[in-house]
């Protein structure tokens, strides 16, 4: 008999593109902070994560926004 297959794993990067101001040197995807836009973005992110319950996170990184 074969052992059950392990769930697929993935490296996950979650980009949070909201900044209190836009730096002129930054090439990353970014938007100036806006409460409504941030709420929509986070709701979409939660929905996307809920659609992948069988994926095991091998790594999880958060990035974006102002580096300070």
Protein backbone atom coordinates (compact mmCIF):
# COMPACT_ATOMS: atom_id res chain seq x y z
CA UNK A 1 0.00 0.00 0.00
CA UNK A 2 1.09 3.53 -0.67
CA UNK A 3 1.35 6.03 2.14
CA UNK A 4 -1.01 8.98 1.87
CA UNK A 5 0.51 11.84 -0.07
CA UNK A 6 1.71 14.77 1.98
CA UNK A 7 -0.17 18.00 1.33
CA UNK A 8 1.61 20.29 -1.12
CA UNK A 9 3.87 22.88 0.43
CA UNK A 10 4.69 26.37 -0.75
CA UNK A 11 6.79 29.37 0.10
CA UNK A 12 4.34 32.19 0.74
CA UNK A 13 5.06 35.91 0.38
CA UNK A 14 2.36 38.38 1.40
CA UNK A 15 2.90 41.87 0.05
CA UNK A 16 1.35 44.74 1.99
CA UNK A 17 1.59 47.62 -0.49
CA UNK A 18 0.33 50.49 1.66
CA UNK A 19 2.62 53.35 2.66
CA UNK A 20 2.00 56.55 4.62
CA UNK A 21 3.82 58.32 1.75
CA UNK A 22 5.34 57.21 -1.55
CA UNK A 23 9.15 57.23 -1.69
CA UNK A 24 10.45 58.44 -5.08
CA UNK A 25 13.10 55.68 -5.29
CA UNK A 26 10.80 52.71 -4.59
CA UNK A 27 10.06 50.37 -7.52
CA UNK A 28 7.72 48.04 -5.62
CA UNK A 29 3.96 47.88 -6.09
CA UNK A 30 2.59 50.44 -3.66
CA UNK A 31 -0.33 52.70 -2.85
CA UNK A 32 -0.69 55.58 -0.46
CA UNK A 33 -2.60 54.50 2.64
CA UNK A 34 -6.37 54.50 2.22
CA UNK A 35 -8.57 52.76 4.82
CA UNK A 36 -11.19 51.51 2.35
CA UNK A 37 -8.62 50.21 -0.14
CA UNK A 38 -6.67 48.46 2.64
CA UNK A 39 -9.84 46.78 3.95
CA UNK A 40 -10.72 45.50 0.46
CA UNK A 41 -7.16 44.25 -0.04
CA UNK A 42 -7.13 42.41 3.30
CA UNK A 43 -10.57 40.88 2.63
CA UNK A 44 -9.33 39.60 -0.74
CA UNK A 45 -6.18 38.23 0.90
CA UNK A 46 -8.23 36.38 3.54
CA UNK A 47 -10.46 34.90 0.81
CA UNK A 48 -7.45 33.77 -1.20
CA UNK A 49 -5.86 32.10 1.82
CA UNK A 50 -9.16 30.37 2.66
CA UNK A 51 -9.24 28.91 -0.86
CA UNK A 52 -5.97 27.07 -0.28
CA UNK A 53 -6.57 25.14 2.97
CA UNK A 54 -4.64 22.06 1.84
CA UNK A 55 -1.40 23.92 1.11
CA UNK A 56 1.18 23.75 3.88
CA UNK A 57 3.33 26.88 4.28
CA UNK A 58 7.00 25.96 4.11
CA UNK A 59 7.98 29.61 4.63
CA UNK A 60 5.95 32.76 5.23
CA UNK A 61 7.27 36.24 4.51
CA UNK A 62 5.56 39.60 4.84
CA UNK A 63 6.86 42.60 2.95
CA UNK A 64 6.04 45.94 1.44
CA UNK A 65 5.15 49.29 2.80
CA UNK A 66 7.61 51.75 4.25
CA UNK A 67 10.80 50.00 5.43
CA UNK A 68 10.94 51.93 8.68
